[in-house]
Amino acid sequence: MRTRASRCACLLIVLAGCGLFGQQPREDTSTRSLQGIVTDASGNIAAKAVVKLKDTKTLQIQSFITSADGSYHFVGLSTEIEYEVKADHADATSGWKKLSVFNTKKVATINLKLNK
């Protein structure tokens, strides 16, 4: 009888352990990222444009210089804060665009078009 209880206890421990290790890690729902492409008024890629991201709560600004394909990205952004993003290149600017808290996409995309 004692061995039967020991077997049941071992089986329970093994099954409990399998449940712990078999779980998928939870996705971080408190952060998101922003990406996009910067183009000029003619629709051409704007390499080396300066993209500014403003946290509307703290007014802190981060910047990113676009790569050769005109792309930019910001990661680790709070889902509880609205952000504004704009691009500048030479004499042109895109004007500010808003990343709203109501945009629930994990990876948001805002393409920016430069105007004189």
PDB file of N, CA and C in Angstrom:
ATOM      1  N   MET A   1       0.828  -1.181   0.000  1.00  0.00           N
ATOM      2  CA  MET A   1       0.000   0.000   0.000  1.00  0.00           C
ATOM      3  C   MET A   1       0.877   1.251   0.000  1.00  0.00           C
ATOM      4  N   ARG A   2       1.972   1.169   0.718  1.00  0.00           N
ATOM      5  CA  ARG A   2       2.872   2.319   0.813  1.00  0.00           C
ATOM      6  C   ARG A   2       3.496   2.632  -0.542  1.00  0.00           C
ATOM      7  N   THR A   3       3.850   1.607  -1.301  1.00  0.00           N
ATOM      8  CA  THR A   3       4.456   1.837  -2.614  1.00  0.00           C
ATOM      9  C   THR A   3       3.450   2.438  -3.585  1.00  0.00           C
ATOM     10  N   ARG A   4       2.206   2.056  -3.437  1.00  0.00           N
ATOM     11  CA  ARG A   4       1.175   2.622  -4.313  1.00  0.00           C
ATOM     12  C   ARG A   4       1.013   4.119  -4.044  1.00  0.00           C
ATOM     13  N   ALA A   5       1.024   4.520  -2.798  1.00  0.00           N
ATOM     14  CA  ALA A   5       0.928   5.937  -2.441  1.00  0.00           C
ATOM     15  C   ALA A   5       2.151   6.691  -2.934  1.00  0.00           C
ATOM     16  N   SER A   6       3.314   6.070  -2.849  1.00  0.00           N
ATOM     17  CA  SER A   6       4.547   6.702  -3.333  1.00  0.00           C
ATOM     18  C   SER A   6       4.491   6.905  -4.840  1.00  0.00           C
ATOM     19  N   ARG A   7       3.980   5.913  -5.561  1.00  0.00           N
ATOM     20  CA  ARG A   7       3.857   6.021  -7.021  1.00  0.00           C
ATOM     21  C   ARG A   7       2.900   7.146  -7.401  1.00  0.00           C
ATOM     22  N   CYS A   8       1.787   7.220  -6.705  1.00  0.00           N
ATOM     23  CA  CYS A   8       0.811   8.288  -6.982  1.00  0.00           C
ATOM     24  C   CYS A   8       1.419   9.663  -6.713  1.00  0.00           C
ATOM     25  N   ALA A   9       2.160   9.771  -5.633  1.00  0.00           N
ATOM     26  CA  ALA A   9       2.794  11.047  -5.295  1.00  0.00           C
ATOM     27  C   ALA A   9       3.818  11.432  -6.357  1.00  0.00           C
ATOM     28  N   CYS A  10       4.617  10.468  -6.805  1.00  0.00           N
ATOM     29  CA  CYS A  10       5.614  10.733  -7.855  1.00  0.00           C
ATOM     30  C   CYS A  10       4.931  11.140  -9.156  1.00  0.00           C
ATOM     31  N   LEU A  11       3.862  10.442  -9.499  1.00  0.00           N
ATOM     32  CA  LEU A  11       3.129  10.759 -10.719  1.00  0.00           C
ATOM     33  C   LEU A  11       2.561  12.171 -10.664  1.00  0.00           C
ATOM     34  N   LEU A  12       2.021  12.563  -9.536  1.00  0.00           N
ATOM     35  CA  LEU A  12       1.494  13.919  -9.379  1.00  0.00           C
ATOM     36  C   LEU A  12       2.594  14.970  -9.514  1.00  0.00           C
ATOM     37  N   ILE A  13       3.753  14.697  -8.948  1.00  0.00           N
ATOM     38  CA  ILE A  13       4.875  15.636  -9.041  1.00  0.00           C
ATOM     39  C   ILE A  13       5.327  15.779 -10.492  1.00  0.00           C
ATOM     40  N   VAL A  14       5.432  14.667 -11.203  1.00  0.00           N
ATOM     41  CA  VAL A  14       5.849  14.704 -12.609  1.00  0.00           C
ATOM     42  C   VAL A  14       4.831  15.469 -13.451  1.00  0.00           C
ATOM     43  N   LEU A  15       3.558  15.190 -13.257  1.00  0.00           N
ATOM     44  CA  LEU A  15       2.522  15.885 -14.027  1.00  0.00           C
ATOM     45  C   LEU A  15       2.497  17.379 -13.724  1.00  0.00           C
ATOM     46  N   ALA A  16       2.678  17.740 -12.473  1.00  0.00           N
ATOM     47  CA  ALA A  16       2.713  19.159 -12.105  1.00  0.00           C
ATOM     48  C   ALA A  16       3.918  19.839 -12.742  1.00  0.00           C
ATOM     49  N   GLY A  17       5.054  19.154 -12.760  1.00  0.00           N
ATOM     50  CA  GLY A  17       6.261  19.703 -13.382  1.00  0.00           C
ATOM     51  C   GLY A  17       6.091  19.886 -14.877  1.00  0.00           C
ATOM     52  N   CYS A  18       5.437  18.949 -15.539  1.00  0.00           N
ATOM     53  CA  CYS A  18       5.192  19.072 -16.981  1.00  0.00           C
ATOM     54  C   CYS A  18       4.320  20.280 -17.277  1.00  0.00           C
ATOM     55  N   GLY A  19       3.373  20.534 -16.429  1.00  0.00           N
ATOM     56  CA  GLY A  19       2.502  21.693 -16.625  1.00  0.00           C
ATOM     57  C   GLY A  19       3.258  22.999 -16.501  1.00  0.00           C
ATOM     58  N   LEU A  20       4.220  23.051 -15.591  1.00  0.00           N
ATOM     59  CA  LEU A  20       5.001  24.277 -15.418  1.00  0.00           C
ATOM     60  C   LEU A  20       5.912  24.538 -16.599  1.00  0.00           C
ATOM     61  N   PHE A  21       6.575  23.485 -17.086  1.00  0.00           N
ATOM     62  CA  PHE A  21       7.531  23.669 -18.167  1.00  0.00           C
ATOM     63  C   PHE A  21       6.859  23.751 -19.527  1.00  0.00           C
ATOM     64  N   GLY A  22       5.650  23.283 -19.648  1.00  0.00           N
ATOM     65  CA  GLY A  22       4.962  23.292 -20.927  1.00  0.00           C
ATOM     66  C   GLY A  22       4.261  24.602 -21.241  1.00  0.00           C
ATOM     67  N   GLN A  23       4.245  25.526 -20.311  1.00  0.00           N
ATOM     68  CA  GLN A  23       3.542  26.788 -20.540  1.00  0.00           C
ATOM     69  C   GLN A  23       4.353  27.707 -21.429  1.00  0.00           C
ATOM     70  N   GLN A  24       3.662  28.413 -22.299  1.00  0.00           N
ATOM     71  CA  GLN A  24       4.295  29.410 -23.154  1.00  0.00           C
ATOM     72  C   GLN A  24       4.505  30.685 -22.355  1.00  0.00           C
ATOM     73  N   PRO A  25       5.619  31.398 -22.607  1.00  0.00           N
ATOM     74  CA  PRO A  25       5.800  32.672 -21.911  1.00  0.00           C
ATOM     75  C   PRO A  25       4.720  33.662 -22.341  1.00  0.00           C
ATOM     76  N   ARG A  26       4.280  34.465 -21.415  1.00  0.00           N
ATOM     77  CA  ARG A  26       3.229  35.435 -21.725  1.00  0.00           C
ATOM     78  C   ARG A  26       3.806  36.613 -22.491  1.00  0.00           C
ATOM     79  N   GLU A  27       3.032  37.095 -23.446  1.00  0.00           N
ATOM     80  CA  GLU A  27       3.448  38.248 -24.236  1.00  0.00           C
ATOM     81  C   GLU A  27       3.315  39.505 -23.387  1.00  0.00           C
ATOM     82  N   ASP A  28       4.289  40.382 -23.491  1.00  0.00           N
ATOM     83  CA  ASP A  28       4.264  41.639 -22.746  1.00  0.00           C
ATOM     84  C   ASP A  28       3.243  42.569 -23.396  1.00  0.00           C
ATOM     85  N   THR A  29       2.121  42.785 -22.724  1.00  0.00           N
ATOM     86  CA  THR A  29       1.061  43.617 -23.292  1.00  0.00           C
ATOM     87  C   THR A  29       1.189  45.077 -22.883  1.00  0.00           C
ATOM     88  N   SER A  30       2.201  45.414 -22.088  1.00  0.00           N
ATOM     89  CA  SER A  30       2.349  46.799 -21.639  1.00  0.00           C
ATOM     90  C   SER A  30       3.245  47.623 -22.558  1.00  0.00           C
ATOM     91  N   THR A  31       3.879  46.971 -23.535  1.00  0.00           N
ATOM     92  CA  THR A  31       4.729  47.713 -24.471  1.00  0.00           C
ATOM     93  C   THR A  31       4.336  47.415 -25.908  1.00  0.00           C
ATOM     94  N   ARG A  32       4.742  48.306 -26.776  1.00  0.00           N
ATOM     95  CA  ARG A  32       4.497  48.170 -28.208  1.00  0.00           C
ATOM     96  C   ARG A  32       5.660  48.815 -28.945  1.00  0.00           C
ATOM     97  N   SER A  33       5.637  48.731 -30.253  1.00  0.00           N
ATOM     98  CA  SER A  33       6.674  49.375 -31.049  1.00  0.00           C
ATOM     99  C   SER A  33       6.031  50.151 -32.190  1.00  0.00           C
ATOM    100  N   LEU A  34       6.821  51.042 -32.761  1.00  0.00           N
ATOM    101  CA  LEU A  34       6.364  51.886 -33.868  1.00  0.00           C
ATOM    102  C   LEU A  34       7.385  51.779 -34.980  1.00  0.00           C
ATOM    103  N   GLN A  35       6.890  51.633 -36.198  1.00  0.00           N
ATOM    104  CA  GLN A  35       7.764  51.554 -37.360  1.00  0.00           C
ATOM    105  C   GLN A  35       7.135  52.312 -38.513  1.00  0.00           C
ATOM    106  N   GLY A  36       7.926  52.568 -39.539  1.00  0.00           N
ATOM    107  CA  GLY A  36       7.397  53.232 -40.715  1.00  0.00           C
ATOM    108  C   GLY A  36       8.480  53.540 -41.726  1.00  0.00           C
ATOM    109  N   ILE A  37       8.052  54.151 -42.821  1.00  0.00           N
ATOM    110  CA  ILE A  37       8.930  54.555 -43.916  1.00  0.00           C
ATOM    111  C   ILE A  37       8.763  56.056 -44.106  1.00  0.00           C
ATOM    112  N   VAL A  38       9.869  56.747 -44.344  1.00  0.00           N
ATOM    113  CA  VAL A  38       9.831  58.183 -44.619  1.00  0.00           C
ATOM    114  C   VAL A  38      10.088  58.385 -46.107  1.00  0.00           C
ATOM    115  N   THR A  39       9.191  59.144 -46.752  1.00  0.00           N
ATOM    116  CA  THR A  39       9.344  59.465 -48.172  1.00  0.00           C
ATOM    117  C   THR A  39       9.280  60.970 -48.364  1.00  0.00           C
ATOM    118  N   ASP A  40       9.838  61.431 -49.502  1.00  0.00           N
ATOM    119  CA  ASP A  40       9.763  62.859 -49.809  1.00  0.00           C
ATOM    120  C   ASP A  40       8.443  63.159 -50.507  1.00  0.00           C
ATOM    121  N   ALA A  41       8.254  64.405 -50.921  1.00  0.00           N
ATOM    122  CA  ALA A  41       6.990  64.828 -51.531  1.00  0.00           C
ATOM    123  C   ALA A  41       6.692  64.069 -52.824  1.00  0.00           C
ATOM    124  N   SER A  42       7.736  63.569 -53.502  1.00  0.00           N
ATOM    125  CA  SER A  42       7.558  62.823 -54.752  1.00  0.00           C
ATOM    126  C   SER A  42       7.368  61.327 -54.525  1.00  0.00           C
ATOM    127  N   GLY A  43       7.452  60.887 -53.278  1.00  0.00           N
ATOM    128  CA  GLY A  43       7.284  59.472 -52.970  1.00  0.00           C
ATOM    129  C   GLY A  43       8.582  58.688 -52.953  1.00  0.00           C
ATOM    130  N   ASN A  44       9.721  59.378 -53.102  1.00  0.00           N
ATOM    131  CA  ASN A  44      11.023  58.714 -53.055  1.00  0.00           C
ATOM    132  C   ASN A  44      11.440  58.481 -51.606  1.00  0.00           C
ATOM    133  N   ILE A  45      12.182  57.415 -51.378  1.00  0.00           N
ATOM    134  CA  ILE A  45      12.688  57.079 -50.041  1.00  0.00           C
ATOM    135  C   ILE A  45      13.576  58.205 -49.525  1.00  0.00           C
ATOM    136  N   ALA A  46      13.417  58.552 -48.258  1.00  0.00           N
ATOM    137  CA  ALA A  46      14.228  59.600 -47.631  1.00  0.00           C
ATOM    138  C   ALA A  46      15.214  58.956 -46.661  1.00  0.00           C
ATOM    139  N   ALA A  47      16.390  58.598 -47.183  1.00  0.00           N
ATOM    140  CA  ALA A  47      17.438  58.023 -46.335  1.00  0.00           C
ATOM    141  C   ALA A  47      18.051  59.125 -45.483  1.00  0.00           C
ATOM    142  N   LYS A  48      18.460  58.781 -44.292  1.00  0.00           N
ATOM    143  CA  LYS A  48      19.102  59.692 -43.337  1.00  0.00           C
ATOM    144  C   LYS A  48      18.200  60.852 -42.895  1.00  0.00           C
ATOM    145  N   ALA A  49      16.901  60.642 -42.940  1.00  0.00           N
ATOM    146  CA  ALA A  49      15.971  61.626 -42.371  1.00  0.00           C
ATOM    147  C   ALA A  49      15.967  61.434 -40.855  1.00  0.00           C
ATOM    148  N   VAL A  50      15.726  62.500 -40.126  1.00  0.00           N
ATOM    149  CA  VAL A  50      15.672  62.424 -38.666  1.00  0.00           C
ATOM    150  C   VAL A  50      14.214  62.280 -38.243  1.00  0.00           C
ATOM    151  N   VAL A  51      13.903  61.182 -37.581  1.00  0.00           N
ATOM    152  CA  VAL A  51      12.550  60.928 -37.088  1.00  0.00           C
ATOM    153  C   VAL A  51      12.559  61.187 -35.589  1.00  0.00           C
ATOM    154  N   LYS A  52      11.623  62.016 -35.135  1.00  0.00           N
ATOM    155  CA  LYS A  52      11.518  62.354 -33.715  1.00  0.00           C
ATOM    156  C   LYS A  52      10.240  61.762 -33.152  1.00  0.00           C
ATOM    157  N   LEU A  53      10.362  61.157 -31.980  1.00  0.00           N
ATOM    158  CA  LEU A  53       9.222  60.574 -31.275  1.00  0.00           C
ATOM    159  C   LEU A  53       9.071  61.303 -29.953  1.00  0.00           C
ATOM    160  N   LYS A  54       7.894  61.914 -29.744  1.00  0.00           N
ATOM    161  CA  LYS A  54       7.652  62.676 -28.514  1.00  0.00           C
ATOM    162  C   LYS A  54       6.649  61.953 -27.635  1.00  0.00           C
ATOM    163  N   ASP A  55       7.033  61.733 -26.383  1.00  0.00           N
ATOM    164  CA  ASP A  55       6.154  61.199 -25.349  1.00  0.00           C
ATOM    165  C   ASP A  55       5.287  62.377 -24.896  1.00  0.00           C
ATOM    166  N   THR A  56       3.978  62.320 -25.141  1.00  0.00           N
ATOM    167  CA  THR A  56       3.113  63.464 -24.826  1.00  0.00           C
ATOM    168  C   THR A  56       2.881  63.646 -23.331  1.00  0.00           C
ATOM    169  N   LYS A  57       3.260  62.659 -22.527  1.00  0.00           N
ATOM    170  CA  LYS A  57       3.102  62.781 -21.075  1.00  0.00           C
ATOM    171  C   LYS A  57       4.291  63.516 -20.455  1.00  0.00           C
ATOM    172  N   THR A  58       5.502  63.111 -20.835  1.00  0.00           N
ATOM    173  CA  THR A  58       6.707  63.717 -20.252  1.00  0.00           C
ATOM    174  C   THR A  58       7.358  64.748 -21.169  1.00  0.00           C
ATOM    175  N   LEU A  59       6.923  64.796 -22.423  1.00  0.00           N
ATOM    176  CA  LEU A  59       7.483  65.660 -23.471  1.00  0.00           C
ATOM    177  C   LEU A  59       8.919  65.282 -23.839  1.00  0.00           C
ATOM    178  N   GLN A  60       9.351  64.111 -23.420  1.00  0.00           N
ATOM    179  CA  GLN A  60      10.681  63.622 -23.771  1.00  0.00           C
ATOM    180  C   GLN A  60      10.688  63.213 -25.241  1.00  0.00           C
ATOM    181  N   ILE A  61      11.786  63.531 -25.951  1.00  0.00           N
ATOM    182  CA  ILE A  61      11.896  63.232 -27.378  1.00  0.00           C
ATOM    183  C   ILE A  61      13.041  62.254 -27.617  1.00  0.00           C
ATOM    184  N   GLN A  62      12.747  61.220 -28.405  1.00  0.00           N
ATOM    185  CA  GLN A  62      13.760  60.278 -28.881  1.00  0.00           C
ATOM    186  C   GLN A  62      13.931  60.525 -30.374  1.00  0.00           C
ATOM    187  N   SER A  63      15.096  60.226 -30.916  1.00  0.00           N
ATOM    188  CA  SER A  63      15.278  60.405 -32.356  1.00  0.00           C
ATOM    189  C   SER A  63      15.888  59.158 -32.979  1.00  0.00           C
ATOM    190  N   PHE A  64      15.663  59.036 -34.277  1.00  0.00           N
ATOM    191  CA  PHE A  64      16.157  57.897 -35.045  1.00  0.00           C
ATOM    192  C   PHE A  64      16.492  58.412 -36.434  1.00  0.00           C
ATOM    193  N   ILE A  65      17.632  58.025 -36.976  1.00  0.00           N
ATOM    194  CA  ILE A  65      18.001  58.401 -38.343  1.00  0.00           C
ATOM    195  C   ILE A  65      17.641  57.233 -39.248  1.00  0.00           C
ATOM    196  N   THR A  66      16.844  57.512 -40.283  1.00  0.00           N
ATOM    197  CA  THR A  66      16.364  56.436 -41.154  1.00  0.00           C
ATOM    198  C   THR A  66      17.523  55.762 -41.875  1.00  0.00           C
ATOM    199  N   SER A  67      17.333  54.495 -42.155  1.00  0.00           N
ATOM    200  CA  SER A  67      18.336  53.719 -42.871  1.00  0.00           C
ATOM    201  C   SER A  67      18.222  53.991 -44.375  1.00  0.00           C
ATOM    202  N   ALA A  68      19.012  53.298 -45.168  1.00  0.00           N
ATOM    203  CA  ALA A  68      19.047  53.511 -46.621  1.00  0.00           C
ATOM    204  C   ALA A  68      17.693  53.262 -47.276  1.00  0.00           C
ATOM    205  N   ASP A  69      16.870  52.408 -46.672  1.00  0.00           N
ATOM    206  CA  ASP A  69      15.544  52.138 -47.240  1.00  0.00           C
ATOM    207  C   ASP A  69      14.467  53.063 -46.680  1.00  0.00           C
ATOM    208  N   GLY A  70      14.866  54.080 -45.912  1.00  0.00           N
ATOM    209  CA  GLY A  70      13.924  55.063 -45.381  1.00  0.00           C
ATOM    210  C   GLY A  70      13.148  54.604 -44.162  1.00  0.00           C
ATOM    211  N   SER A  71      13.501  53.461 -43.607  1.00  0.00           N
ATOM    212  CA  SER A  71      12.722  52.915 -42.486  1.00  0.00           C
ATOM    213  C   SER A  71      13.229  53.417 -41.138  1.00  0.00           C
ATOM    214  N   TYR A  72      12.313  53.417 -40.181  1.00  0.00           N
ATOM    215  CA  TYR A  72      12.636  53.766 -38.797  1.00  0.00           C
ATOM    216  C   TYR A  72      11.853  52.847 -37.875  1.00  0.00           C
ATOM    217  N   HIS A  73      12.285  52.745 -36.623  1.00  0.00           N
ATOM    218  CA  HIS A  73      11.529  51.974 -35.632  1.00  0.00           C
ATOM    219  C   HIS A  73      11.906  52.415 -34.222  1.00  0.00           C
ATOM    220  N   PHE A  74      10.919  52.359 -33.362  1.00  0.00           N
ATOM    221  CA  PHE A  74      11.087  52.622 -31.931  1.00  0.00           C
ATOM    222  C   PHE A  74      10.465  51.440 -31.192  1.00  0.00           C
ATOM    223  N   VAL A  75      11.140  50.940 -30.158  1.00  0.00           N
ATOM    224  CA  VAL A  75      10.638  49.783 -29.408  1.00  0.00           C
ATOM    225  C   VAL A  75      10.473  50.136 -27.934  1.00  0.00           C
ATOM    226  N   GLY A  76       9.731  49.297 -27.223  1.00  0.00           N
ATOM    227  CA  GLY A  76       9.560  49.479 -25.782  1.00  0.00           C
ATOM    228  C   GLY A  76       8.673  50.649 -25.409  1.00  0.00           C
ATOM    229  N   LEU A  77       7.730  51.001 -26.283  1.00  0.00           N
ATOM    230  CA  LEU A  77       6.834  52.131 -26.017  1.00  0.00           C
ATOM    231  C   LEU A  77       5.657  51.673 -25.158  1.00  0.00           C
ATOM    232  N   SER A  78       5.284  52.486 -24.206  1.00  0.00           N
ATOM    233  CA  SER A  78       4.169  52.156 -23.319  1.00  0.00           C
ATOM    234  C   SER A  78       2.846  52.181 -24.081  1.00  0.00           C
ATOM    235  N   THR A  79       1.976  51.242 -23.762  1.00  0.00           N
ATOM    236  CA  THR A  79       0.645  51.219 -24.371  1.00  0.00           C
ATOM    237  C   THR A  79      -0.285  52.232 -23.707  1.00  0.00           C
ATOM    238  N   GLU A  80       0.148  52.807 -22.582  1.00  0.00           N
ATOM    239  CA  GLU A  80      -0.693  53.745 -21.833  1.00  0.00           C
ATOM    240  C   GLU A  80      -0.350  55.207 -22.103  1.00  0.00           C
ATOM    241  N   ILE A  81       0.541  55.455 -23.052  1.00  0.00           N
ATOM    242  CA  ILE A  81       0.963  56.824 -23.363  1.00  0.00           C
ATOM    243  C   ILE A  81       0.764  57.085 -24.847  1.00  0.00           C
ATOM    244  N   GLU A  82       0.290  58.283 -25.175  1.00  0.00           N
ATOM    245  CA  GLU A  82       0.201  58.692 -26.572  1.00  0.00           C
ATOM    246  C   GLU A  82       1.536  59.296 -26.984  1.00  0.00           C
ATOM    247  N   TYR A  83       1.908  59.038 -28.223  1.00  0.00           N
ATOM    248  CA  TYR A  83       3.153  59.553 -28.770  1.00  0.00           C
ATOM    249  C   TYR A  83       2.852  60.354 -30.025  1.00  0.00           C
ATOM    250  N   GLU A  84       3.752  61.273 -30.352  1.00  0.00           N
ATOM    251  CA  GLU A  84       3.691  61.995 -31.614  1.00  0.00           C
ATOM    252  C   GLU A  84       5.005  61.757 -32.335  1.00  0.00           C
ATOM    253  N   VAL A  85       4.926  61.607 -33.649  1.00  0.00           N
ATOM    254  CA  VAL A  85       6.111  61.312 -34.444  1.00  0.00           C
ATOM    255  C   VAL A  85       6.145  62.235 -35.658  1.00  0.00           C
ATOM    256  N   LYS A  86       7.353  62.667 -36.039  1.00  0.00           N
ATOM    257  CA  LYS A  86       7.528  63.485 -37.235  1.00  0.00           C
ATOM    258  C   LYS A  86       8.902  63.229 -37.807  1.00  0.00           C
ATOM    259  N   ALA A  87       9.095  63.623 -39.063  1.00  0.00           N
ATOM    260  CA  ALA A  87      10.386  63.453 -39.730  1.00  0.00           C
ATOM    261  C   ALA A  87      10.836  64.780 -40.312  1.00  0.00           C
ATOM    262  N   ASP A  88      12.153  64.992 -40.305  1.00  0.00           N
ATOM    263  CA  ASP A  88      12.773  66.167 -40.914  1.00  0.00           C
ATOM    264  C   ASP A  88      13.914  65.696 -41.802  1.00  0.00           C
ATOM    265  N   HIS A  89      14.048  66.353 -42.964  1.00  0.00           N
ATOM    266  CA  HIS A  89      15.149  66.037 -43.876  1.00  0.00           C
ATOM    267  C   HIS A  89      15.395  67.256 -44.751  1.00  0.00           C
ATOM    268  N   ALA A  90      16.614  67.788 -44.685  1.00  0.00           N
ATOM    269  CA  ALA A  90      16.969  69.014 -45.421  1.00  0.00           C
ATOM    270  C   ALA A  90      15.980  70.114 -45.042  1.00  0.00           C
ATOM    271  N   ASP A  91      15.254  70.668 -46.008  1.00  0.00           N
ATOM    272  CA  ASP A  91      14.301  71.756 -45.742  1.00  0.00           C
ATOM    273  C   ASP A  91      12.880  71.250 -45.520  1.00  0.00           C
ATOM    274  N   ALA A  92      12.680  69.956 -45.548  1.00  0.00           N
ATOM    275  CA  ALA A  92      11.326  69.403 -45.514  1.00  0.00           C
ATOM    276  C   ALA A  92      11.001  68.797 -44.149  1.00  0.00           C
ATOM    277  N   THR A  93       9.699  68.804 -43.829  1.00  0.00           N
ATOM    278  CA  THR A  93       9.211  68.196 -42.588  1.00  0.00           C
ATOM    279  C   THR A  93       7.885  67.493 -42.867  1.00  0.00           C
ATOM    280  N   SER A  94       7.557  66.533 -42.044  1.00  0.00           N
ATOM    281  CA  SER A  94       6.304  65.796 -42.243  1.00  0.00           C
ATOM    282  C   SER A  94       5.165  66.351 -41.409  1.00  0.00           C
ATOM    283  N   GLY A  95       5.474  67.098 -40.386  1.00  0.00           N
ATOM    284  CA  GLY A  95       4.438  67.475 -39.428  1.00  0.00           C
ATOM    285  C   GLY A  95       4.209  66.316 -38.469  1.00  0.00           C
ATOM    286  N   TRP A  96       3.637  66.608 -37.311  1.00  0.00           N
ATOM    287  CA  TRP A  96       3.439  65.591 -36.276  1.00  0.00           C
ATOM    288  C   TRP A  96       2.258  64.688 -36.604  1.00  0.00           C
ATOM    289  N   LYS A  97       2.425  63.383 -36.370  1.00  0.00           N
ATOM    290  CA  LYS A  97       1.335  62.407 -36.455  1.00  0.00           C
ATOM    291  C   LYS A  97       1.250  61.709 -35.107  1.00  0.00           C
ATOM    292  N   LYS A  98       0.044  61.316 -34.719  1.00  0.00           N
ATOM    293  CA  LYS A  98      -0.190  60.767 -33.380  1.00  0.00           C
ATOM    294  C   LYS A  98      -0.294  59.246 -33.390  1.00  0.00           C
ATOM    295  N   LEU A  99       0.357  58.632 -32.398  1.00  0.00           N
ATOM    296  CA  LEU A  99       0.170  57.216 -32.087  1.00  0.00           C
ATOM    297  C   LEU A  99      -0.701  57.181 -30.837  1.00  0.00           C
ATOM    298  N   SER A 100      -1.966  56.858 -31.020  1.00  0.00           N
ATOM    299  CA  SER A 100      -2.958  56.920 -29.953  1.00  0.00           C
ATOM    300  C   SER A 100      -2.900  55.703 -29.033  1.00  0.00           C
ATOM    301  N   VAL A 101      -3.361  55.893 -27.808  1.00  0.00           N
ATOM    302  CA  VAL A 101      -3.491  54.764 -26.879  1.00  0.00           C
ATOM    303  C   VAL A 101      -4.572  53.800 -27.364  1.00  0.00           C
ATOM    304  N   PHE A 102      -5.443  54.261 -28.244  1.00  0.00           N
ATOM    305  CA  PHE A 102      -6.510  53.412 -28.772  1.00  0.00           C
ATOM    306  C   PHE A 102      -6.026  52.526 -29.917  1.00  0.00           C
ATOM    307  N   ASN A 103      -4.815  52.777 -30.412  1.00  0.00           N
ATOM    308  CA  ASN A 103      -4.210  51.904 -31.411  1.00  0.00           C
ATOM    309  C   ASN A 103      -3.656  50.700 -30.654  1.00  0.00           C
ATOM    310  N   THR A 104      -4.325  49.574 -30.751  1.00  0.00           N
ATOM    311  CA  THR A 104      -3.983  48.403 -29.946  1.00  0.00           C
ATOM    312  C   THR A 104      -3.013  47.450 -30.636  1.00  0.00           C
ATOM    313  N   LYS A 105      -2.495  47.832 -31.777  1.00  0.00           N
ATOM    314  CA  LYS A 105      -1.545  46.965 -32.474  1.00  0.00           C
ATOM    315  C   LYS A 105      -0.244  46.874 -31.685  1.00  0.00           C
ATOM    316  N   LYS A 106       0.295  45.677 -31.600  1.00  0.00           N
ATOM    317  CA  LYS A 106       1.574  45.460 -30.917  1.00  0.00           C
ATOM    318  C   LYS A 106       2.699  46.164 -31.677  1.00  0.00           C
ATOM    319  N   VAL A 107       2.617  46.150 -33.011  1.00  0.00           N
ATOM    320  CA  VAL A 107       3.572  46.856 -33.868  1.00  0.00           C
ATOM    321  C   VAL A 107       2.763  47.816 -34.738  1.00  0.00           C
ATOM    322  N   ALA A 108       2.789  49.087 -34.374  1.00  0.00           N
ATOM    323  CA  ALA A 108       2.048  50.105 -35.128  1.00  0.00           C
ATOM    324  C   ALA A 108       2.918  50.614 -36.273  1.00  0.00           C
ATOM    325  N   THR A 109       2.276  51.013 -37.368  1.00  0.00           N
ATOM    326  CA  THR A 109       2.994  51.551 -38.521  1.00  0.00           C
ATOM    327  C   THR A 109       2.458  52.933 -38.848  1.00  0.00           C
ATOM    328  N   ILE A 110       3.363  53.903 -38.894  1.00  0.00           N
ATOM    329  CA  ILE A 110       3.020  55.255 -39.335  1.00  0.00           C
ATOM    330  C   ILE A 110       4.070  55.667 -40.358  1.00  0.00           C
ATOM    331  N   ASN A 111       3.658  55.752 -41.616  1.00  0.00           N
ATOM    332  CA  ASN A 111       4.544  56.219 -42.675  1.00  0.00           C
ATOM    333  C   ASN A 111       4.478  57.738 -42.719  1.00  0.00           C
ATOM    334  N   LEU A 112       5.617  58.370 -42.934  1.00  0.00           N
ATOM    335  CA  LEU A 112       5.703  59.827 -42.905  1.00  0.00           C
ATOM    336  C   LEU A 112       6.106  60.356 -44.274  1.00  0.00           C
ATOM    337  N   LYS A 113       5.389  61.395 -44.733  1.00  0.00           N
ATOM    338  CA  LYS A 113       5.686  62.009 -46.027  1.00  0.00           C
ATOM    339  C   LYS A 113       6.171  63.430 -45.788  1.00  0.00           C
ATOM    340  N   LEU A 114       7.354  63.736 -46.312  1.00  0.00           N
ATOM    341  CA  LEU A 114       7.950  65.059 -46.147  1.00  0.00           C
ATOM    342  C   LEU A 114       7.332  66.059 -47.109  1.00  0.00           C
ATOM    343  N   ASN A 115       7.096  67.264 -46.625  1.00  0.00           N
ATOM    344  CA  ASN A 115       6.588  68.364 -47.444  1.00  0.00           C
ATOM    345  C   ASN A 115       7.504  69.556 -47.243  1.00  0.00           C
ATOM    346  N   LYS A 116       7.597  70.395 -48.229  1.00  0.00           N
ATOM    347  CA  LYS A 116       8.446  71.601 -48.118  1.00  0.00           C
ATOM    348  C   LYS A 116       7.810  72.608 -47.206  1.00  0.00           C
TER     349      LYS A 116
END
